[in-house]
Amino acid sequence: MKQLRWLMNTVTLSKFYEKPQFYLDEIVKSNKETILIKNGKPYLKILSVIDTNPKNLLKDSIIFEGDIISPIEVDWEANS
């Protein structure tokens, strides 16, 4: 089973039906797409959408433009 992790690019549909949870977990762990084979032909492609590093999800998404707390010196009127 250990060598399965690097061989996870194709799996027959019948083998997938035997242990679907195992194969899905392996796909998520390896973060590689897997093609299910039916009758010797590609049938379905499965890939992981789970981010393996969620703590960097918002990294570099905030840009510092200046002081946002101090009042601005622009006159404006509120609509009443």
PDB file of N, CA and C in Angstrom:
ATOM      1  N   MET A   1       0.811  -1.197   0.000  1.00  0.00           N
ATOM      2  CA  MET A   1       0.000   0.000   0.000  1.00  0.00           C
ATOM      3  C   MET A   1       0.861   1.270   0.000  1.00  0.00           C
ATOM      4  N   LYS A   2       2.091   1.216   0.539  1.00  0.00           N
ATOM      5  CA  LYS A   2       2.923   2.407   0.584  1.00  0.00           C
ATOM      6  C   LYS A   2       3.312   2.867  -0.811  1.00  0.00           C
ATOM      7  N   GLN A   3       3.570   1.943  -1.723  1.00  0.00           N
ATOM      8  CA  GLN A   3       3.976   2.346  -3.052  1.00  0.00           C
ATOM      9  C   GLN A   3       2.808   2.904  -3.853  1.00  0.00           C
ATOM     10  N   LEU A   4       1.589   2.763  -3.338  1.00  0.00           N
ATOM     11  CA  LEU A   4       0.420   3.286  -4.020  1.00  0.00           C
ATOM     12  C   LEU A   4       0.461   4.805  -4.089  1.00  0.00           C
ATOM     13  N   ARG A   5       1.059   5.465  -3.107  1.00  0.00           N
ATOM     14  CA  ARG A   5       1.067   6.916  -3.055  1.00  0.00           C
ATOM     15  C   ARG A   5       1.720   7.516  -4.296  1.00  0.00           C
ATOM     16  N   TRP A   6       2.785   6.922  -4.809  1.00  0.00           N
ATOM     17  CA  TRP A   6       3.415   7.481  -6.009  1.00  0.00           C
ATOM     18  C   TRP A   6       2.834   6.900  -7.290  1.00  0.00           C
ATOM     19  N   LEU A   7       2.001   5.860  -7.177  1.00  0.00           N
ATOM     20  CA  LEU A   7       1.354   5.287  -8.352  1.00  0.00           C
ATOM     21  C   LEU A   7      -0.084   5.776  -8.530  1.00  0.00           C
ATOM     22  N   MET A   8      -0.490   6.756  -7.771  1.00  0.00           N
ATOM     23  CA  MET A   8      -1.887   7.168  -7.748  1.00  0.00           C
ATOM     24  C   MET A   8      -2.307   8.017  -8.938  1.00  0.00           C
ATOM     25  N   ASN A   9      -1.838   7.746 -10.130  1.00  0.00           N
ATOM     26  CA  ASN A   9      -2.328   8.520 -11.248  1.00  0.00           C
ATOM     27  C   ASN A   9      -3.437   7.790 -12.011  1.00  0.00           C
ATOM     28  N   THR A  10      -3.513   6.455 -11.920  1.00  0.00           N
ATOM     29  CA  THR A  10      -4.625   5.720 -12.517  1.00  0.00           C
ATOM     30  C   THR A  10      -5.081   4.604 -11.584  1.00  0.00           C
ATOM     31  N   VAL A  11      -6.380   4.368 -11.543  1.00  0.00           N
ATOM     32  CA  VAL A  11      -6.987   3.303 -10.738  1.00  0.00           C
ATOM     33  C   VAL A  11      -8.170   2.771 -11.532  1.00  0.00           C
ATOM     34  N   THR A  12      -8.324   1.452 -11.547  1.00  0.00           N
ATOM     35  CA  THR A  12      -9.494   0.893 -12.225  1.00  0.00           C
ATOM     36  C   THR A  12     -10.740   1.192 -11.402  1.00  0.00           C
ATOM     37  N   LEU A  13     -11.841   1.310 -12.069  1.00  0.00           N
ATOM     38  CA  LEU A  13     -13.095   1.644 -11.406  1.00  0.00           C
ATOM     39  C   LEU A  13     -13.498   0.563 -10.411  1.00  0.00           C
ATOM     40  N   SER A  14     -13.252  -0.702 -10.738  1.00  0.00           N
ATOM     41  CA  SER A  14     -13.613  -1.780  -9.829  1.00  0.00           C
ATOM     42  C   SER A  14     -12.778  -1.725  -8.545  1.00  0.00           C
ATOM     43  N   LYS A  15     -11.485  -1.412  -8.647  1.00  0.00           N
ATOM     44  CA  LYS A  15     -10.663  -1.273  -7.447  1.00  0.00           C
ATOM     45  C   LYS A  15     -11.111  -0.072  -6.617  1.00  0.00           C
ATOM     46  N   PHE A  16     -11.491   1.012  -7.296  1.00  0.00           N
ATOM     47  CA  PHE A  16     -11.971   2.194  -6.581  1.00  0.00           C
ATOM     48  C   PHE A  16     -13.239   1.877  -5.794  1.00  0.00           C
ATOM     49  N   TYR A  17     -14.150   1.086  -6.377  1.00  0.00           N
ATOM     50  CA  TYR A  17     -15.385   0.718  -5.690  1.00  0.00           C
ATOM     51  C   TYR A  17     -15.133  -0.148  -4.460  1.00  0.00           C
ATOM     52  N   GLU A  18     -14.036  -0.895  -4.429  1.00  0.00           N
ATOM     53  CA  GLU A  18     -13.719  -1.731  -3.266  1.00  0.00           C
ATOM     54  C   GLU A  18     -13.411  -0.886  -2.040  1.00  0.00           C
ATOM     55  N   LYS A  19     -12.634   0.176  -2.203  1.00  0.00           N
ATOM     56  CA  LYS A  19     -12.221   1.027  -1.085  1.00  0.00           C
ATOM     57  C   LYS A  19     -12.261   2.501  -1.490  1.00  0.00           C
ATOM     58  N   PRO A  20     -13.433   3.063  -1.710  1.00  0.00           N
ATOM     59  CA  PRO A  20     -13.482   4.455  -2.180  1.00  0.00           C
ATOM     60  C   PRO A  20     -12.900   5.460  -1.190  1.00  0.00           C
ATOM     61  N   GLN A  21     -13.163   5.275   0.099  1.00  0.00           N
ATOM     62  CA  GLN A  21     -12.661   6.225   1.094  1.00  0.00           C
ATOM     63  C   GLN A  21     -11.134   6.211   1.150  1.00  0.00           C
ATOM     64  N   PHE A  22     -10.537   5.033   1.037  1.00  0.00           N
ATOM     65  CA  PHE A  22      -9.081   4.915   1.032  1.00  0.00           C
ATOM     66  C   PHE A  22      -8.483   5.689  -0.147  1.00  0.00           C
ATOM     67  N   TYR A  23      -9.029   5.490  -1.338  1.00  0.00           N
ATOM     68  CA  TYR A  23      -8.503   6.152  -2.521  1.00  0.00           C
ATOM     69  C   TYR A  23      -8.706   7.667  -2.456  1.00  0.00           C
ATOM     70  N   LEU A  24      -9.858   8.095  -1.965  1.00  0.00           N
ATOM     71  CA  LEU A  24     -10.093   9.526  -1.843  1.00  0.00           C
ATOM     72  C   LEU A  24      -9.123  10.162  -0.850  1.00  0.00           C
ATOM     73  N   ASP A  25      -8.868   9.484   0.271  1.00  0.00           N
ATOM     74  CA  ASP A  25      -7.901   9.994   1.234  1.00  0.00           C
ATOM     75  C   ASP A  25      -6.503  10.077   0.634  1.00  0.00           C
ATOM     76  N   GLU A  26      -6.131   9.085  -0.155  1.00  0.00           N
ATOM     77  CA  GLU A  26      -4.814   9.089  -0.793  1.00  0.00           C
ATOM     78  C   GLU A  26      -4.692  10.215  -1.822  1.00  0.00           C
ATOM     79  N   ILE A  27      -5.764  10.495  -2.525  1.00  0.00           N
ATOM     80  CA  ILE A  27      -5.752  11.581  -3.505  1.00  0.00           C
ATOM     81  C   ILE A  27      -5.550  12.917  -2.796  1.00  0.00           C
ATOM     82  N   VAL A  28      -6.224  13.097  -1.663  1.00  0.00           N
ATOM     83  CA  VAL A  28      -6.068  14.337  -0.903  1.00  0.00           C
ATOM     84  C   VAL A  28      -4.653  14.443  -0.327  1.00  0.00           C
ATOM     85  N   LYS A  29      -4.123  13.343   0.222  1.00  0.00           N
ATOM     86  CA  LYS A  29      -2.772  13.371   0.798  1.00  0.00           C
ATOM     87  C   LYS A  29      -1.704  13.674  -0.243  1.00  0.00           C
ATOM     88  N   SER A  30      -1.809  13.042  -1.392  1.00  0.00           N
ATOM     89  CA  SER A  30      -0.783  13.211  -2.423  1.00  0.00           C
ATOM     90  C   SER A  30      -0.983  14.484  -3.237  1.00  0.00           C
ATOM     91  N   ASN A  31      -2.203  15.032  -3.225  1.00  0.00           N
ATOM     92  CA  ASN A  31      -2.542  16.239  -3.965  1.00  0.00           C
ATOM     93  C   ASN A  31      -2.248  16.075  -5.460  1.00  0.00           C
ATOM     94  N   LYS A  32      -2.464  14.859  -5.975  1.00  0.00           N
ATOM     95  CA  LYS A  32      -2.272  14.575  -7.395  1.00  0.00           C
ATOM     96  C   LYS A  32      -3.603  14.156  -7.994  1.00  0.00           C
ATOM     97  N   GLU A  33      -3.806  14.508  -9.244  1.00  0.00           N
ATOM     98  CA  GLU A  33      -5.031  14.070  -9.898  1.00  0.00           C
ATOM     99  C   GLU A  33      -4.948  12.577 -10.199  1.00  0.00           C
ATOM    100  N   THR A  34      -6.099  11.919 -10.167  1.00  0.00           N
ATOM    101  CA  THR A  34      -6.178  10.483 -10.409  1.00  0.00           C
ATOM    102  C   THR A  34      -7.239  10.229 -11.467  1.00  0.00           C
ATOM    103  N   ILE A  35      -6.929   9.346 -12.389  1.00  0.00           N
ATOM    104  CA  ILE A  35      -7.868   8.998 -13.449  1.00  0.00           C
ATOM    105  C   ILE A  35      -8.412   7.607 -13.192  1.00  0.00           C
ATOM    106  N   LEU A  36      -9.728   7.491 -13.156  1.00  0.00           N
ATOM    107  CA  LEU A  36     -10.369   6.190 -13.007  1.00  0.00           C
ATOM    108  C   LEU A  36     -10.522   5.574 -14.391  1.00  0.00           C
ATOM    109  N   ILE A  37     -10.179   4.301 -14.494  1.00  0.00           N
ATOM    110  CA  ILE A  37     -10.204   3.577 -15.757  1.00  0.00           C
ATOM    111  C   ILE A  37     -11.400   2.620 -15.767  1.00  0.00           C
ATOM    112  N   LYS A  38     -12.183   2.661 -16.839  1.00  0.00           N
ATOM    113  CA  LYS A  38     -13.311   1.750 -17.006  1.00  0.00           C
ATOM    114  C   LYS A  38     -13.164   1.081 -18.367  1.00  0.00           C
ATOM    115  N   ASN A  39     -13.115  -0.235 -18.366  1.00  0.00           N
ATOM    116  CA  ASN A  39     -12.935  -1.016 -19.591  1.00  0.00           C
ATOM    117  C   ASN A  39     -11.679  -0.602 -20.365  1.00  0.00           C
ATOM    118  N   GLY A  40     -10.621  -0.271 -19.625  1.00  0.00           N
ATOM    119  CA  GLY A  40      -9.348   0.076 -20.241  1.00  0.00           C
ATOM    120  C   GLY A  40      -9.260   1.486 -20.787  1.00  0.00           C
ATOM    121  N   LYS A  41     -10.305   2.305 -20.579  1.00  0.00           N
ATOM    122  CA  LYS A  41     -10.308   3.670 -21.083  1.00  0.00           C
ATOM    123  C   LYS A  41     -10.522   4.649 -19.934  1.00  0.00           C
ATOM    124  N   PRO A  42      -9.944   5.840 -20.041  1.00  0.00           N
ATOM    125  CA  PRO A  42     -10.184   6.854 -18.995  1.00  0.00           C
ATOM    126  C   PRO A  42     -11.677   7.147 -18.874  1.00  0.00           C
ATOM    127  N   TYR A  43     -12.138   7.169 -17.623  1.00  0.00           N
ATOM    128  CA  TYR A  43     -13.569   7.335 -17.377  1.00  0.00           C
ATOM    129  C   TYR A  43     -13.858   8.614 -16.587  1.00  0.00           C
ATOM    130  N   LEU A  44     -13.021   8.865 -15.574  1.00  0.00           N
ATOM    131  CA  LEU A  44     -13.281   9.974 -14.664  1.00  0.00           C
ATOM    132  C   LEU A  44     -11.966  10.475 -14.092  1.00  0.00           C
ATOM    133  N   LYS A  45     -11.838  11.786 -13.936  1.00  0.00           N
ATOM    134  CA  LYS A  45     -10.653  12.360 -13.310  1.00  0.00           C
ATOM    135  C   LYS A  45     -11.049  12.928 -11.952  1.00  0.00           C
ATOM    136  N   ILE A  46     -10.291  12.585 -10.916  1.00  0.00           N
ATOM    137  CA  ILE A  46     -10.541  13.078  -9.568  1.00  0.00           C
ATOM    138  C   ILE A  46      -9.317  13.871  -9.139  1.00  0.00           C
ATOM    139  N   LEU A  47      -9.556  15.063  -8.581  1.00  0.00           N
ATOM    140  CA  LEU A  47      -8.447  15.830  -8.035  1.00  0.00           C
ATOM    141  C   LEU A  47      -8.876  16.504  -6.748  1.00  0.00           C
ATOM    142  N   SER A  48      -7.904  16.816  -5.940  1.00  0.00           N
ATOM    143  CA  SER A  48      -8.152  17.394  -4.629  1.00  0.00           C
ATOM    144  C   SER A  48      -8.337  18.896  -4.749  1.00  0.00           C
ATOM    145  N   VAL A  49      -9.319  19.427  -4.051  1.00  0.00           N
ATOM    146  CA  VAL A  49      -9.509  20.875  -4.006  1.00  0.00           C
ATOM    147  C   VAL A  49      -9.213  21.428  -2.617  1.00  0.00           C
ATOM    148  N   ILE A  50      -8.799  20.576  -1.713  1.00  0.00           N
ATOM    149  CA  ILE A  50      -8.483  21.005  -0.354  1.00  0.00           C
ATOM    150  C   ILE A  50      -7.115  21.653  -0.341  1.00  0.00           C
ATOM    151  N   ASP A  51      -7.046  22.872   0.202  1.00  0.00           N
ATOM    152  CA  ASP A  51      -5.773  23.572   0.307  1.00  0.00           C
ATOM    153  C   ASP A  51      -4.985  22.945   1.444  1.00  0.00           C
ATOM    154  N   THR A  52      -3.793  22.458   1.134  1.00  0.00           N
ATOM    155  CA  THR A  52      -2.989  21.796   2.150  1.00  0.00           C
ATOM    156  C   THR A  52      -2.268  22.786   3.049  1.00  0.00           C
ATOM    157  N   ASN A  53      -2.271  24.070   2.697  1.00  0.00           N
ATOM    158  CA  ASN A  53      -1.614  25.087   3.500  1.00  0.00           C
ATOM    159  C   ASN A  53      -2.543  26.292   3.672  1.00  0.00           C
ATOM    160  N   PRO A  54      -3.645  26.150   4.442  1.00  0.00           N
ATOM    161  CA  PRO A  54      -4.630  27.215   4.532  1.00  0.00           C
ATOM    162  C   PRO A  54      -4.145  28.452   5.277  1.00  0.00           C
ATOM    163  N   LYS A  55      -3.083  28.355   6.075  1.00  0.00           N
ATOM    164  CA  LYS A  55      -2.645  29.524   6.837  1.00  0.00           C
ATOM    165  C   LYS A  55      -2.059  30.615   5.947  1.00  0.00           C
ATOM    166  N   ASN A  56      -1.644  30.285   4.725  1.00  0.00           N
ATOM    167  CA  ASN A  56      -1.116  31.281   3.811  1.00  0.00           C
ATOM    168  C   ASN A  56      -2.140  31.729   2.778  1.00  0.00           C
ATOM    169  N   LEU A  57      -3.396  31.453   3.041  1.00  0.00           N
ATOM    170  CA  LEU A  57      -4.453  31.738   2.085  1.00  0.00           C
ATOM    171  C   LEU A  57      -4.569  33.232   1.768  1.00  0.00           C
ATOM    172  N   LEU A  58      -4.434  34.086   2.764  1.00  0.00           N
ATOM    173  CA  LEU A  58      -4.578  35.528   2.562  1.00  0.00           C
ATOM    174  C   LEU A  58      -3.239  36.269   2.525  1.00  0.00           C
ATOM    175  N   LYS A  59      -2.145  35.536   2.464  1.00  0.00           N
ATOM    176  CA  LYS A  59      -0.831  36.163   2.448  1.00  0.00           C
ATOM    177  C   LYS A  59      -0.711  37.079   1.229  1.00  0.00           C
ATOM    178  N   ASP A  60      -0.195  38.289   1.462  1.00  0.00           N
ATOM    179  CA  ASP A  60       0.008  39.313   0.425  1.00  0.00           C
ATOM    180  C   ASP A  60      -1.292  39.798  -0.206  1.00  0.00           C
ATOM    181  N   SER A  61      -2.425  39.608   0.467  1.00  0.00           N
ATOM    182  CA  SER A  61      -3.687  40.086  -0.089  1.00  0.00           C
ATOM    183  C   SER A  61      -4.077  41.450   0.457  1.00  0.00           C
ATOM    184  N   ILE A  62      -3.355  41.953   1.467  1.00  0.00           N
ATOM    185  CA  ILE A  62      -3.640  43.261   2.049  1.00  0.00           C
ATOM    186  C   ILE A  62      -2.521  44.218   1.668  1.00  0.00           C
ATOM    187  N   ILE A  63      -2.895  45.363   1.144  1.00  0.00           N
ATOM    188  CA  ILE A  63      -1.918  46.357   0.727  1.00  0.00           C
ATOM    189  C   ILE A  63      -2.036  47.553   1.669  1.00  0.00           C
ATOM    190  N   PHE A  64      -0.922  47.981   2.240  1.00  0.00           N
ATOM    191  CA  PHE A  64      -0.908  49.137   3.133  1.00  0.00           C
ATOM    192  C   PHE A  64      -0.845  50.394   2.283  1.00  0.00           C
ATOM    193  N   GLU A  65      -1.873  51.247   2.394  1.00  0.00           N
ATOM    194  CA  GLU A  65      -1.930  52.473   1.595  1.00  0.00           C
ATOM    195  C   GLU A  65      -1.669  53.719   2.427  1.00  0.00           C
ATOM    196  N   GLY A  66      -1.705  53.609   3.725  1.00  0.00           N
ATOM    197  CA  GLY A  66      -1.506  54.786   4.575  1.00  0.00           C
ATOM    198  C   GLY A  66      -2.375  54.685   5.812  1.00  0.00           C
ATOM    199  N   ASP A  67      -2.466  55.795   6.517  1.00  0.00           N
ATOM    200  CA  ASP A  67      -3.226  55.853   7.766  1.00  0.00           C
ATOM    201  C   ASP A  67      -4.718  55.842   7.447  1.00  0.00           C
ATOM    202  N   ILE A  68      -5.434  54.854   7.961  1.00  0.00           N
ATOM    203  CA  ILE A  68      -6.877  54.765   7.708  1.00  0.00           C
ATOM    204  C   ILE A  68      -7.706  55.175   8.925  1.00  0.00           C
ATOM    205  N   ILE A  69      -7.041  55.578  10.007  1.00  0.00           N
ATOM    206  CA  ILE A  69      -7.753  55.916  11.233  1.00  0.00           C
ATOM    207  C   ILE A  69      -7.931  57.420  11.392  1.00  0.00           C
ATOM    208  N   SER A  70      -6.922  58.204  11.051  1.00  0.00           N
ATOM    209  CA  SER A  70      -6.998  59.658  11.196  1.00  0.00           C
ATOM    210  C   SER A  70      -8.062  60.230  10.277  1.00  0.00           C
ATOM    211  N   PRO A  71      -8.694  61.345  10.724  1.00  0.00           N
ATOM    212  CA  PRO A  71      -9.720  61.964   9.874  1.00  0.00           C
ATOM    213  C   PRO A  71      -9.092  62.566   8.617  1.00  0.00           C
ATOM    214  N   ILE A  72      -9.888  62.609   7.557  1.00  0.00           N
ATOM    215  CA  ILE A  72      -9.408  63.199   6.311  1.00  0.00           C
ATOM    216  C   ILE A  72      -9.828  64.660   6.265  1.00  0.00           C
ATOM    217  N   GLU A  73      -9.149  65.452   5.483  1.00  0.00           N
ATOM    218  CA  GLU A  73      -9.437  66.887   5.417  1.00  0.00           C
ATOM    219  C   GLU A  73     -10.229  67.209   4.152  1.00  0.00           C
ATOM    220  N   VAL A  74     -11.331  66.542   3.995  1.00  0.00           N
ATOM    221  CA  VAL A  74     -12.196  66.769   2.848  1.00  0.00           C
ATOM    222  C   VAL A  74     -13.569  67.150   3.376  1.00  0.00           C
ATOM    223  N   ASP A  75     -14.110  68.288   2.876  1.00  0.00           N
ATOM    224  CA  ASP A  75     -15.461  68.692   3.276  1.00  0.00           C
ATOM    225  C   ASP A  75     -16.473  67.888   2.482  1.00  0.00           C
ATOM    226  N   TRP A  76     -17.498  67.442   3.145  1.00  0.00           N
ATOM    227  CA  TRP A  76     -18.531  66.671   2.473  1.00  0.00           C
ATOM    228  C   TRP A  76     -19.864  66.931   3.154  1.00  0.00           C
ATOM    229  N   GLU A  77     -20.922  66.686   2.439  1.00  0.00           N
ATOM    230  CA  GLU A  77     -22.257  66.886   2.967  1.00  0.00           C
ATOM    231  C   GLU A  77     -22.997  65.555   2.971  1.00  0.00           C
ATOM    232  N   ALA A  78     -23.774  65.351   4.002  1.00  0.00           N
ATOM    233  CA  ALA A  78     -24.579  64.134   4.070  1.00  0.00           C
ATOM    234  C   ALA A  78     -25.948  64.428   3.483  1.00  0.00           C
ATOM    235  N   ASN A  79     -26.476  63.528   2.730  1.00  0.00           N
ATOM    236  CA  ASN A  79     -27.824  63.669   2.185  1.00  0.00           C
ATOM    237  C   ASN A  79     -28.819  63.436   3.312  1.00  0.00           C
ATOM    238  N   SER A  80     -29.768  64.344   3.453  1.00  0.00           N
ATOM    239  CA  SER A  80     -30.731  64.156   4.538  1.00  0.00           C
ATOM    240  C   SER A  80     -32.088  63.754   4.033  1.00  0.00           C
TER     241      SER A  80
END
